[in-house]
N, C-alpha and C. Protein backbone atom coordinates (compact mmCIF):
# COMPACT_ATOMS: atom_id res chain seq x y z
N MET A 1 56.58 -6.69 8.19
CA MET A 1 55.38 -7.55 8.44
C MET A 1 54.41 -6.87 9.39
N ASN A 2 54.80 -6.09 10.06
CA ASN A 2 53.61 -5.52 11.02
C ASN A 2 53.07 -4.27 10.21
N ARG A 3 53.36 -3.88 9.02
CA ARG A 3 52.83 -2.74 8.38
C ARG A 3 51.60 -3.93 7.72
N SER A 4 51.71 -4.79 7.18
CA SER A 4 50.53 -5.64 6.65
C SER A 4 49.35 -5.89 7.40
N VAL A 5 49.51 -6.08 8.66
CA VAL A 5 48.53 -6.43 9.67
C VAL A 5 47.19 -5.10 9.61
N PRO A 6 47.67 -3.64 9.75
CA PRO A 6 46.78 -2.71 9.55
C PRO A 6 46.06 -2.92 8.18
N THR A 7 46.80 -2.86 7.25
CA THR A 7 46.37 -3.03 5.75
C THR A 7 45.41 -3.99 5.65
N ARG A 8 45.57 -5.42 6.37
CA ARG A 8 44.65 -6.60 6.28
C ARG A 8 43.33 -6.12 6.67
N LEU A 9 43.51 -5.45 8.17
CA LEU A 9 42.09 -5.08 8.73
C LEU A 9 41.48 -4.15 8.01
N LEU A 10 42.06 -3.11 7.58
CA LEU A 10 41.47 -2.09 6.56
C LEU A 10 40.74 -2.60 5.61
N ALA A 11 41.32 -3.67 4.95
CA ALA A 11 40.67 -4.21 3.76
C ALA A 11 39.48 -5.11 4.23
N ALA A 12 39.46 -5.68 5.26
CA ALA A 12 38.52 -6.55 5.89
C ALA A 12 37.48 -5.47 6.28
N ALA A 13 37.70 -4.48 6.89
CA ALA A 13 36.55 -3.68 7.29
C ALA A 13 35.94 -2.97 6.09
N LEU A 14 36.42 -2.59 5.24
CA LEU A 14 36.04 -2.00 3.85
C LEU A 14 35.25 -3.09 3.19
N LEU A 15 35.46 -4.17 3.12
CA LEU A 15 34.68 -5.44 2.65
C LEU A 15 33.32 -5.74 3.32
N GLY A 16 33.57 -5.73 4.65
CA GLY A 16 32.36 -5.62 5.69
C GLY A 16 31.41 -4.56 5.19
N SER A 17 31.83 -3.48 5.09
CA SER A 17 31.14 -2.16 4.88
C SER A 17 30.36 -2.30 3.44
N ALA A 18 31.32 -2.88 2.51
CA ALA A 18 30.57 -2.97 1.13
C ALA A 18 29.48 -4.13 1.26
N LEU A 19 29.57 -5.39 2.18
CA LEU A 19 28.72 -6.33 2.15
C LEU A 19 27.35 -5.74 2.93
N ALA A 20 27.75 -4.89 3.72
CA ALA A 20 26.62 -4.28 4.65
C ALA A 20 25.68 -3.53 3.72
N LEU A 21 26.30 -2.68 2.92
CA LEU A 21 25.59 -1.69 1.93
C LEU A 21 24.78 -2.62 1.16
N SER A 22 25.52 -3.55 0.45
CA SER A 22 24.82 -4.36 -0.56
C SER A 22 23.63 -5.29 -0.10
N ALA A 23 23.83 -5.56 1.23
CA ALA A 23 22.59 -6.05 1.82
C ALA A 23 21.26 -5.04 2.23
N CYS A 24 21.76 -4.02 2.56
CA CYS A 24 20.61 -2.97 2.75
C CYS A 24 20.16 -2.86 1.44
N ALA A 25 20.79 -2.40 0.18
CA ALA A 25 20.23 -2.37 -1.12
C ALA A 25 19.20 -3.25 -1.57
N SER A 26 19.68 -4.73 -1.26
CA SER A 26 18.93 -5.56 -1.58
C SER A 26 17.41 -6.01 -1.02
N THR A 27 17.37 -5.10 0.20
CA THR A 27 16.13 -5.18 0.91
C THR A 27 15.29 -3.76 0.92
N ARG A 28 15.58 -3.02 -0.01
CA ARG A 28 15.11 -1.56 0.00
C ARG A 28 13.88 -1.68 -0.56
N ALA A 29 13.15 -0.71 0.33
CA ALA A 29 11.46 -0.58 0.02
C ALA A 29 11.18 0.95 0.18
N GLY A 30 9.80 1.09 -0.60
CA GLY A 30 9.40 2.23 -0.36
C GLY A 30 9.82 3.43 -1.23
N PRO A 31 9.38 4.62 -1.14
CA PRO A 31 8.01 5.01 -0.14
C PRO A 31 6.83 4.48 -0.85
N VAL A 32 5.84 5.11 -0.07
CA VAL A 32 4.34 4.48 -0.81
C VAL A 32 3.72 5.77 -1.39
N GLU A 33 3.43 5.81 -2.55
CA GLU A 33 2.70 6.45 -3.40
C GLU A 33 1.22 6.64 -3.26
N VAL A 34 0.64 7.51 -2.71
CA VAL A 34 -0.57 7.60 -2.33
C VAL A 34 -1.45 8.71 -3.21
N THR A 35 -2.83 8.21 -3.84
CA THR A 35 -3.40 9.52 -4.32
C THR A 35 -4.58 9.30 -3.53
N ARG A 36 -5.51 10.50 -3.55
CA ARG A 36 -6.97 10.42 -2.68
C ARG A 36 -7.79 11.42 -3.55
N PHE A 37 -9.02 10.80 -3.48
CA PHE A 37 -10.08 11.74 -3.86
C PHE A 37 -11.42 11.80 -2.87
N LEU A 38 -11.67 12.93 -2.61
CA LEU A 38 -13.01 13.02 -1.78
C LEU A 38 -13.75 13.77 -2.21
N ASP A 39 -15.11 13.54 -1.92
CA ASP A 39 -16.31 14.69 -2.05
C ASP A 39 -16.15 15.83 -1.19
N PRO A 40 -15.97 17.06 -1.36
CA PRO A 40 -15.87 17.94 -0.53
C PRO A 40 -17.02 18.25 0.45
N ALA A 41 -18.37 17.82 -0.19
CA ALA A 41 -19.44 17.95 0.61
C ALA A 41 -19.52 16.70 1.61
N ALA A 42 -18.93 15.71 1.46
CA ALA A 42 -18.97 14.58 2.33
C ALA A 42 -17.84 14.67 3.44
N ARG A 43 -16.87 15.46 3.53
CA ARG A 43 -16.03 15.84 4.52
C ARG A 43 -16.38 15.39 5.88
N ALA A 44 -17.55 16.18 6.06
CA ALA A 44 -18.09 15.91 7.68
C ALA A 44 -18.41 14.41 8.05
N GLN A 45 -18.72 13.52 6.92
CA GLN A 45 -19.07 12.08 7.01
C GLN A 45 -18.18 11.24 7.49
N LEU A 46 -16.89 11.59 6.88
CA LEU A 46 -15.75 10.94 7.00
C LEU A 46 -15.03 10.70 8.08
N GLY A 47 -14.72 9.48 8.85
CA GLY A 47 -14.16 9.38 10.01
C GLY A 47 -15.02 9.32 11.22
N GLN A 48 -16.06 8.81 10.79
CA GLN A 48 -17.28 8.77 11.94
C GLN A 48 -18.21 7.81 11.57
N GLY A 49 -19.04 7.31 12.86
CA GLY A 49 -20.06 6.31 12.25
C GLY A 49 -19.68 5.04 12.13
N SER A 50 -20.64 4.28 11.41
CA SER A 50 -20.30 2.68 11.60
C SER A 50 -19.99 2.44 9.98
N ILE A 51 -19.15 1.42 9.95
CA ILE A 51 -18.46 1.02 8.45
C ILE A 51 -18.53 -0.30 8.44
N PHE A 52 -18.46 -0.74 7.35
CA PHE A 52 -18.69 -2.63 7.12
C PHE A 52 -17.33 -2.29 5.92
N VAL A 53 -16.27 -3.39 6.05
CA VAL A 53 -15.21 -3.43 5.27
C VAL A 53 -15.58 -4.99 4.24
N THR A 54 -15.29 -4.63 3.06
CA THR A 54 -15.67 -5.77 2.22
C THR A 54 -14.62 -5.55 0.94
N GLY A 55 -14.57 -6.77 0.27
CA GLY A 55 -14.04 -6.70 -1.14
C GLY A 55 -14.91 -6.06 -2.16
N PHE A 56 -14.04 -5.79 -3.19
CA PHE A 56 -14.96 -4.93 -4.32
C PHE A 56 -15.70 -5.99 -5.10
N GLY A 57 -16.96 -5.72 -5.25
CA GLY A 57 -17.79 -6.72 -5.95
C GLY A 57 -17.60 -8.07 -5.43
N ALA A 58 -17.50 -9.24 -6.29
CA ALA A 58 -17.42 -10.28 -5.97
C ALA A 58 -15.99 -10.97 -5.69
N GLU A 59 -15.19 -10.01 -5.60
CA GLU A 59 -13.59 -10.59 -5.12
C GLU A 59 -13.59 -10.47 -3.55
N ASP A 60 -14.22 -10.82 -2.67
CA ASP A 60 -14.09 -10.79 -1.44
C ASP A 60 -13.67 -12.37 -1.14
N THR A 61 -12.43 -12.42 -1.35
CA THR A 61 -11.77 -13.99 -1.31
C THR A 61 -10.70 -13.82 -0.06
N LEU A 62 -10.30 -15.10 0.33
CA LEU A 62 -9.62 -15.23 1.57
C LEU A 62 -8.23 -14.49 1.23
N GLU A 63 -7.77 -14.38 -0.05
CA GLU A 63 -6.50 -13.77 -0.23
C GLU A 63 -6.52 -12.42 0.31
N LEU A 64 -7.62 -11.60 0.24
CA LEU A 64 -7.85 -10.51 0.54
C LEU A 64 -7.95 -10.19 2.04
N ALA A 65 -8.04 -11.36 2.74
CA ALA A 65 -8.15 -11.07 4.13
C ALA A 65 -7.33 -10.11 4.93
N PRO A 66 -6.15 -10.34 4.78
CA PRO A 66 -5.16 -9.46 5.46
C PRO A 66 -5.15 -8.09 5.09
N TYR A 67 -5.65 -7.77 3.81
CA TYR A 67 -5.74 -6.42 3.59
C TYR A 67 -6.83 -5.72 4.05
N LYS A 68 -7.86 -6.32 4.16
CA LYS A 68 -9.37 -6.13 4.69
C LYS A 68 -9.28 -5.84 6.41
N ALA A 69 -8.30 -6.70 6.63
CA ALA A 69 -8.01 -6.35 8.42
C ALA A 69 -7.34 -5.21 8.52
N ALA A 70 -6.07 -4.88 7.42
CA ALA A 70 -5.22 -3.64 7.55
C ALA A 70 -6.12 -2.54 7.44
N VAL A 71 -7.02 -2.24 6.67
CA VAL A 71 -7.85 -1.47 6.23
C VAL A 71 -8.87 -1.13 7.48
N ALA A 72 -9.44 -2.24 8.12
CA ALA A 72 -10.24 -2.08 9.22
C ALA A 72 -9.28 -1.38 10.58
N ARG A 73 -8.34 -1.91 10.88
CA ARG A 73 -7.54 -1.35 11.69
C ARG A 73 -7.50 0.26 11.57
N GLU A 74 -7.09 0.71 10.32
CA GLU A 74 -6.77 2.13 10.15
C GLU A 74 -8.05 2.78 10.14
N LEU A 75 -8.95 2.26 9.56
CA LEU A 75 -10.47 2.75 9.85
C LEU A 75 -10.93 2.96 11.35
N ALA A 76 -10.62 2.21 11.83
CA ALA A 76 -10.90 2.41 13.49
C ALA A 76 -10.26 3.42 14.32
N GLN A 77 -8.93 3.44 13.83
CA GLN A 77 -8.21 4.48 14.33
C GLN A 77 -8.52 6.04 13.81
N ALA A 78 -9.11 5.85 12.71
CA ALA A 78 -9.75 7.36 12.07
C ALA A 78 -10.83 7.75 12.52
N GLY A 79 -11.66 6.97 13.23
CA GLY A 79 -12.67 7.30 14.06
C GLY A 79 -13.93 6.30 13.92
N TYR A 80 -13.61 5.25 13.02
CA TYR A 80 -15.05 4.46 12.47
C TYR A 80 -15.22 3.45 13.50
N ASN A 81 -16.43 2.96 13.41
CA ASN A 81 -16.95 1.95 14.22
C ASN A 81 -17.24 0.65 13.17
N GLU A 82 -16.27 -0.48 13.12
CA GLU A 82 -16.70 -1.39 12.36
C GLU A 82 -17.71 -2.16 12.77
N THR A 83 -18.88 -2.53 11.89
CA THR A 83 -19.85 -3.28 12.21
C THR A 83 -20.27 -4.15 10.91
N ALA A 84 -21.52 -4.72 11.14
CA ALA A 84 -21.98 -5.77 9.97
C ALA A 84 -22.52 -4.97 9.13
N ARG A 85 -22.85 -5.33 7.98
CA ARG A 85 -23.17 -4.65 6.99
C ARG A 85 -24.54 -4.26 7.12
N THR A 86 -25.32 -5.22 7.66
CA THR A 86 -26.71 -4.53 7.88
C THR A 86 -27.00 -3.31 8.70
N SER A 87 -26.07 -3.19 9.51
CA SER A 87 -26.14 -1.90 10.42
C SER A 87 -25.34 -0.69 10.30
N ALA A 88 -24.33 -0.99 9.11
CA ALA A 88 -23.41 -0.24 8.70
C ALA A 88 -24.24 1.20 7.98
N GLY A 89 -23.44 2.37 8.15
CA GLY A 89 -23.67 3.60 7.77
C GLY A 89 -23.03 3.83 6.34
N GLN A 90 -21.85 3.53 6.24
CA GLN A 90 -20.83 3.40 5.09
C GLN A 90 -20.30 2.13 4.92
N ILE A 91 -19.65 1.98 3.50
CA ILE A 91 -19.12 0.54 3.16
C ILE A 91 -17.77 1.04 2.43
N ALA A 92 -16.85 0.13 2.96
CA ALA A 92 -15.27 0.46 2.48
C ALA A 92 -15.03 -0.94 1.69
N GLU A 93 -14.84 -0.61 0.31
CA GLU A 93 -14.62 -1.53 -0.51
C GLU A 93 -13.18 -1.70 -0.84
N VAL A 94 -12.55 -2.80 -0.91
CA VAL A 94 -11.08 -2.89 -0.87
C VAL A 94 -10.72 -3.90 -1.90
N ARG A 95 -9.87 -3.41 -2.99
CA ARG A 95 -9.34 -4.09 -3.89
C ARG A 95 -7.98 -4.09 -3.97
N VAL A 96 -7.20 -5.13 -4.34
CA VAL A 96 -5.67 -5.17 -4.26
C VAL A 96 -5.24 -6.10 -5.52
N THR A 97 -3.84 -5.31 -6.04
CA THR A 97 -3.29 -6.16 -7.04
C THR A 97 -1.61 -6.15 -6.60
N ARG A 98 -1.49 -7.47 -6.74
CA ARG A 98 0.12 -7.72 -6.29
C ARG A 98 0.70 -8.18 -7.62
N TYR A 99 1.92 -7.58 -7.79
CA TYR A 99 2.75 -7.60 -9.05
C TYR A 99 4.15 -7.75 -8.93
N GLU A 100 4.86 -8.31 -9.80
CA GLU A 100 6.47 -8.23 -9.65
C GLU A 100 6.64 -7.02 -10.81
N LEU A 101 7.60 -6.38 -10.41
CA LEU A 101 8.22 -5.07 -11.38
C LEU A 101 9.58 -5.53 -11.49
N GLY A 102 10.15 -5.94 -12.71
CA GLY A 102 11.53 -6.53 -13.09
C GLY A 102 12.37 -5.14 -13.23
N ARG A 103 13.45 -5.95 -13.74
CA ARG A 103 14.69 -4.70 -13.76
C ARG A 103 14.16 -3.60 -15.04
N ASN A 104 13.38 -4.18 -15.92
CA ASN A 104 13.02 -3.18 -17.24
C ASN A 104 11.71 -2.31 -16.66
N GLY A 105 11.17 -2.78 -15.59
CA GLY A 105 10.01 -1.89 -15.33
C GLY A 105 8.78 -2.31 -15.70
N GLN A 106 8.84 -3.56 -16.29
CA GLN A 106 7.65 -4.23 -16.83
C GLN A 106 6.95 -4.90 -15.57
N ARG A 107 5.48 -4.90 -15.65
CA ARG A 107 4.87 -5.54 -14.40
C ARG A 107 3.87 -6.47 -15.00
N SER A 108 4.02 -7.70 -13.89
CA SER A 108 3.57 -8.89 -14.30
C SER A 108 2.60 -9.29 -13.20
N PRO A 109 1.62 -9.86 -13.19
CA PRO A 109 0.82 -10.01 -11.76
C PRO A 109 1.59 -11.59 -11.03
N VAL A 110 1.55 -11.26 -9.66
CA VAL A 110 1.81 -12.21 -8.96
C VAL A 110 0.90 -13.24 -8.67
N ASN A 111 -0.40 -12.81 -8.47
CA ASN A 111 -1.49 -13.82 -8.18
C ASN A 111 -3.13 -13.37 -9.00
N VAL A 112 -3.89 -13.97 -9.01
CA VAL A 112 -5.05 -13.38 -9.87
C VAL A 112 -6.35 -13.54 -8.91
N GLY A 113 -7.22 -12.76 -9.09
CA GLY A 113 -8.27 -12.61 -8.33
C GLY A 113 -8.54 -11.39 -7.29
N VAL A 114 -7.28 -10.89 -7.03
CA VAL A 114 -7.42 -9.45 -6.20
C VAL A 114 -7.23 -8.27 -6.72
N GLY A 115 -7.02 -8.28 -8.05
CA GLY A 115 -6.66 -7.10 -8.71
C GLY A 115 -7.68 -6.51 -9.73
N GLY A 116 -7.58 -5.35 -10.02
CA GLY A 116 -8.60 -5.01 -10.93
C GLY A 116 -8.59 -3.02 -10.74
N SER A 117 -9.68 -2.58 -11.56
CA SER A 117 -9.98 -1.35 -11.16
C SER A 117 -10.87 -1.10 -10.13
N THR A 118 -11.25 0.24 -9.86
CA THR A 118 -11.87 0.28 -8.82
C THR A 118 -13.14 1.49 -8.70
N GLY A 119 -14.06 1.02 -9.20
CA GLY A 119 -15.53 1.92 -9.35
C GLY A 119 -15.24 3.00 -10.24
N THR A 120 -15.68 4.37 -10.06
CA THR A 120 -15.86 5.11 -10.84
C THR A 120 -15.06 6.64 -10.67
N TYR A 121 -15.39 6.77 -9.26
CA TYR A 121 -15.08 8.15 -8.55
C TYR A 121 -13.51 8.26 -8.57
N GLY A 122 -12.94 9.40 -9.46
CA GLY A 122 -11.55 9.42 -9.51
C GLY A 122 -10.63 8.79 -10.55
N SER A 123 -11.64 7.59 -11.27
CA SER A 123 -10.94 6.91 -12.00
C SER A 123 -10.58 7.67 -13.39
N GLY A 124 -9.50 7.08 -13.91
CA GLY A 124 -9.23 7.45 -15.25
C GLY A 124 -8.16 8.68 -15.17
N LEU A 125 -7.83 9.06 -13.97
CA LEU A 125 -6.83 10.38 -13.74
C LEU A 125 -5.49 9.63 -13.47
N GLY A 126 -4.91 8.62 -13.92
CA GLY A 126 -3.47 8.41 -13.52
C GLY A 126 -3.48 7.73 -12.33
N LEU A 127 -4.49 7.10 -11.52
CA LEU A 127 -4.22 6.71 -10.42
C LEU A 127 -3.57 5.31 -10.46
N GLY A 128 -2.83 4.75 -9.49
CA GLY A 128 -2.32 3.34 -9.53
C GLY A 128 -1.40 2.96 -10.51
N ILE A 129 -0.65 4.01 -11.26
CA ILE A 129 0.22 3.52 -12.23
C ILE A 129 1.24 2.88 -11.41
N GLY A 130 1.90 1.94 -12.01
CA GLY A 130 3.13 1.27 -11.43
C GLY A 130 4.40 1.79 -11.39
N ILE A 131 4.83 2.25 -10.56
CA ILE A 131 6.17 3.01 -10.37
C ILE A 131 7.30 2.48 -9.74
N ASN A 132 8.38 1.98 -9.89
CA ASN A 132 9.47 1.30 -9.20
C ASN A 132 10.18 2.50 -8.38
N LEU A 133 9.51 2.70 -7.15
CA LEU A 133 10.07 3.49 -6.26
C LEU A 133 11.09 2.70 -5.20
N GLY A 134 11.36 1.43 -5.26
CA GLY A 134 12.11 0.92 -4.60
C GLY A 134 13.56 0.82 -4.99
N GLY A 135 13.91 1.43 -6.35
CA GLY A 135 15.37 1.31 -6.55
C GLY A 135 15.77 -0.01 -7.33
N GLY A 136 16.98 0.13 -7.73
CA GLY A 136 17.27 -1.15 -8.57
C GLY A 136 17.98 -2.39 -7.81
N GLY A 137 18.39 -3.31 -8.49
CA GLY A 137 19.07 -4.50 -7.71
C GLY A 137 18.27 -5.59 -7.69
N GLY A 138 17.51 -5.79 -8.78
CA GLY A 138 16.49 -7.19 -8.91
C GLY A 138 15.28 -6.75 -8.97
N ALA A 139 14.28 -7.83 -8.91
CA ALA A 139 12.95 -7.90 -8.92
C ALA A 139 12.64 -7.20 -7.68
N GLN A 140 11.36 -6.33 -7.83
CA GLN A 140 10.70 -5.77 -6.97
C GLN A 140 9.12 -6.39 -7.02
N VAL A 141 8.67 -6.69 -5.76
CA VAL A 141 7.41 -7.05 -5.35
C VAL A 141 6.40 -6.00 -5.13
N GLY A 142 5.43 -5.41 -5.97
CA GLY A 142 4.54 -4.31 -5.85
C GLY A 142 3.41 -4.69 -5.25
N THR A 143 2.60 -3.95 -4.30
CA THR A 143 1.50 -4.11 -3.63
C THR A 143 0.36 -2.74 -4.01
N GLU A 144 -0.53 -2.79 -4.71
CA GLU A 144 -1.54 -1.78 -4.73
C GLU A 144 -2.63 -1.97 -4.28
N MET A 145 -3.21 -0.99 -3.60
CA MET A 145 -4.28 -1.14 -2.73
C MET A 145 -5.39 -0.21 -3.22
N ALA A 146 -6.52 -0.23 -3.30
CA ALA A 146 -7.62 0.72 -3.64
C ALA A 146 -8.65 0.37 -2.87
N VAL A 147 -9.25 1.54 -2.19
CA VAL A 147 -10.44 1.66 -1.25
C VAL A 147 -11.30 2.59 -1.81
N VAL A 148 -12.51 2.38 -1.81
CA VAL A 148 -13.59 3.32 -2.02
C VAL A 148 -14.65 3.19 -0.94
N ILE A 149 -15.18 4.29 -0.16
CA ILE A 149 -16.06 4.64 0.91
C ILE A 149 -17.18 4.97 0.13
N ARG A 150 -18.10 4.40 0.39
CA ARG A 150 -19.55 4.70 -0.15
C ARG A 150 -20.64 4.87 0.99
N GLU A 151 -21.83 5.48 0.83
CA GLU A 151 -22.82 5.40 1.75
C GLU A 151 -23.44 3.96 1.48
N ALA A 152 -23.67 3.53 2.61
CA ALA A 152 -24.38 2.13 2.48
C ALA A 152 -25.91 2.39 1.85
N SER A 153 -26.32 3.50 1.93
CA SER A 153 -27.96 3.59 1.51
C SER A 153 -27.62 4.77 0.35
N GLY A 154 -27.98 4.09 -0.91
CA GLY A 154 -27.65 4.78 -2.19
C GLY A 154 -26.28 4.70 -2.86
N GLY A 155 -25.44 4.31 -2.28
CA GLY A 155 -24.06 3.76 -2.82
C GLY A 155 -23.29 5.29 -3.26
N ARG A 156 -23.56 6.40 -2.67
CA ARG A 156 -22.75 7.59 -2.98
C ARG A 156 -21.54 7.70 -2.73
N VAL A 157 -20.37 7.75 -3.52
CA VAL A 157 -19.03 7.66 -3.01
C VAL A 157 -18.63 8.93 -2.33
N LEU A 158 -17.98 8.64 -1.34
CA LEU A 158 -17.58 9.89 -0.25
C LEU A 158 -16.16 10.10 -0.59
N TRP A 159 -15.35 8.74 -0.56
CA TRP A 159 -13.66 8.78 -0.69
C TRP A 159 -13.35 8.02 -1.53
N GLU A 160 -12.07 8.11 -2.16
CA GLU A 160 -11.42 7.24 -2.75
C GLU A 160 -9.96 7.24 -2.68
N GLY A 161 -9.23 6.31 -2.52
CA GLY A 161 -7.70 6.31 -2.48
C GLY A 161 -7.09 5.05 -2.85
N ARG A 162 -5.87 5.11 -3.58
CA ARG A 162 -5.06 4.34 -4.06
C ARG A 162 -3.54 4.55 -3.45
N ALA A 163 -3.03 3.37 -3.00
CA ALA A 163 -1.53 3.33 -2.48
C ALA A 163 -0.92 2.38 -3.18
N ASP A 164 0.36 2.65 -3.74
CA ASP A 164 1.00 1.98 -4.51
C ASP A 164 2.63 1.80 -3.72
N PHE A 165 2.97 0.69 -3.73
CA PHE A 165 4.23 0.19 -2.74
C PHE A 165 4.89 -0.94 -3.49
N THR A 166 6.37 -0.50 -3.54
CA THR A 166 7.18 -1.74 -3.95
C THR A 166 8.42 -2.11 -3.00
N ALA A 167 8.79 -3.39 -3.07
CA ALA A 167 9.97 -3.63 -2.20
C ALA A 167 10.56 -4.73 -2.69
N SER A 168 12.03 -4.94 -2.51
CA SER A 168 12.84 -5.84 -3.37
C SER A 168 12.42 -7.35 -2.91
N GLU A 169 12.23 -8.25 -3.53
CA GLU A 169 11.60 -9.55 -3.17
C GLU A 169 12.16 -10.34 -2.08
N ASN A 170 13.39 -10.07 -1.56
CA ASN A 170 13.77 -10.57 -0.32
C ASN A 170 13.58 -9.84 0.79
N SER A 171 12.63 -8.51 0.75
CA SER A 171 12.60 -7.93 1.96
C SER A 171 11.37 -8.12 2.68
N PRO A 172 11.42 -8.20 3.94
CA PRO A 172 10.31 -8.76 4.85
C PRO A 172 9.02 -7.96 4.37
N LEU A 173 9.12 -6.78 3.80
CA LEU A 173 7.73 -6.03 3.61
C LEU A 173 7.42 -6.45 2.28
N ALA A 174 8.01 -7.17 1.65
CA ALA A 174 7.33 -7.64 0.60
C ALA A 174 6.01 -9.08 0.71
N GLU A 175 6.16 -9.58 2.15
CA GLU A 175 5.59 -10.54 2.41
C GLU A 175 4.24 -9.67 2.57
N ARG A 176 3.07 -10.63 2.38
CA ARG A 176 1.76 -10.20 2.27
C ARG A 176 1.20 -9.45 3.36
N ALA A 177 1.43 -10.08 4.65
CA ALA A 177 0.85 -9.34 5.74
C ALA A 177 1.43 -7.97 5.92
N ALA A 178 2.87 -8.07 6.03
CA ALA A 178 3.55 -6.76 6.04
C ALA A 178 3.02 -5.65 5.10
N SER A 179 3.03 -6.05 3.74
CA SER A 179 2.70 -5.00 2.73
C SER A 179 1.24 -4.72 2.99
N ALA A 180 0.41 -5.45 3.57
CA ALA A 180 -0.93 -5.04 3.59
C ALA A 180 -0.97 -3.88 4.80
N GLN A 181 -0.22 -4.21 5.74
CA GLN A 181 -0.26 -2.96 6.85
C GLN A 181 0.41 -1.63 6.38
N THR A 182 1.51 -1.99 5.59
CA THR A 182 2.33 -0.88 5.07
C THR A 182 1.60 0.15 4.11
N VAL A 183 0.79 -0.46 3.00
CA VAL A 183 -0.07 0.30 2.10
C VAL A 183 -1.20 0.92 3.11
N ALA A 184 -1.77 0.30 3.82
CA ALA A 184 -3.01 0.54 4.57
C ALA A 184 -2.73 1.78 5.20
N ALA A 185 -1.57 1.49 6.28
CA ALA A 185 -0.99 2.71 7.11
C ALA A 185 -0.76 4.05 6.28
N ALA A 186 -0.21 3.98 5.06
CA ALA A 186 0.18 4.85 4.12
C ALA A 186 -1.15 5.54 3.61
N LEU A 187 -1.97 4.67 3.14
CA LEU A 187 -3.32 5.20 2.60
C LEU A 187 -4.28 6.10 3.26
N PHE A 188 -4.16 5.45 4.90
CA PHE A 188 -5.07 6.36 5.75
C PHE A 188 -4.42 7.37 6.52
N SER A 189 -3.06 7.68 6.31
CA SER A 189 -2.35 8.74 6.97
C SER A 189 -2.79 9.98 6.92
N ASP A 190 -3.15 10.60 7.85
CA ASP A 190 -4.00 12.04 7.95
C ASP A 190 -5.23 12.15 7.27
N PHE A 191 -5.93 10.81 7.46
CA PHE A 191 -7.29 10.82 6.74
C PHE A 191 -8.27 11.84 7.01
N PRO A 192 -8.76 12.28 6.26
CA PRO A 192 -9.13 11.87 4.75
C PRO A 192 -8.08 12.41 3.77
N GLY A 193 -7.27 13.10 3.89
CA GLY A 193 -6.44 14.09 3.21
C GLY A 193 -7.08 15.02 2.46
N ASN A 194 -6.62 15.56 1.40
CA ASN A 194 -7.21 16.63 0.47
C ASN A 194 -7.46 16.01 -0.92
N ASN A 195 -8.39 16.66 -1.59
CA ASN A 195 -9.09 16.08 -2.68
C ASN A 195 -8.13 16.21 -3.93
N GLY A 196 -7.93 15.17 -4.68
CA GLY A 196 -6.83 15.21 -5.60
C GLY A 196 -5.27 15.24 -5.40
N GLU A 197 -5.03 14.95 -4.15
CA GLU A 197 -3.59 15.08 -3.64
C GLU A 197 -3.07 13.49 -4.09
N THR A 198 -1.68 13.68 -4.32
CA THR A 198 -0.67 12.58 -4.33
C THR A 198 0.39 12.96 -3.28
N ILE A 199 0.78 12.11 -2.58
CA ILE A 199 1.94 12.05 -1.54
C ILE A 199 2.59 10.97 -1.58
N GLU A 200 3.67 11.12 -1.01
CA GLU A 200 4.62 9.86 -0.85
C GLU A 200 4.86 9.95 0.71
N VAL A 201 4.77 8.63 1.33
CA VAL A 201 4.76 8.38 2.71
C VAL A 201 6.11 7.37 2.80
N GLU A 202 6.88 7.79 3.43
CA GLU A 202 8.14 7.11 3.98
C GLU A 202 7.73 5.66 4.68
N VAL A 203 8.52 4.83 4.43
CA VAL A 203 8.28 3.47 4.99
C VAL A 203 9.21 3.43 6.08
N PRO A 204 8.82 3.40 7.46
CA PRO A 204 9.91 3.42 8.70
C PRO A 204 11.04 2.08 8.42
C-alpha cells in the first residue's frame, strides 16, 4: 500500500507537467518576420524631423486606430516628432491585414477594409507572404503590418517595411491591441535597418 502512494504522486506530477506543456503550446506566438527596404540616399533623413501617421489611401478607418497609435509610439522612440499633416516633413502610411491561418496553412481574412498591398517601393519582392511561424496546434491569427514613409512634399518613398506575425487564436497576443504593439515594435526595431534585409524578431 505504501508503495502506491509515490506512484500516484508521480503520475499526478507527470499529468500536471503534460497539461502545462499543452497550455503553453496552445498559446504559442511568434517570432515576427520583418522585411525592410530603404533608399540609401535617404538614410540621413530617417529618424528625425516631423511626421504624420495615417492610413494608406482611403483606408484610414477606426479599425486601423490601434495600429497607427502603435506605429506613432515607435516612430517617436526612433526620433520623430509626430505632428499634423500640414506641418509634417514626412508621412507614414500604415496598412494592416488580419487573417486566420488554418492547420493546412490556408489564409482567410478576419476582417475587411484594413488589408491590401502597399505602394510600389520594394513591392513584388516576396514581402508579406503568410508563413505559419507559430507552430501547430490549431488555428493561428495573423497580423501583417506594412508601413511606407514618404517625403510630405513630392511623395518620394524613403523607407518601407512589413512585419508578419501569427499567434494561436487563444493567445493574448492575438488580440488587436497586443498584436498591433507586437508587430510595430518588431518592424521598427533598430530602425531604419538595412536595405533589403529580412529578420526574425523574437516575441518576449
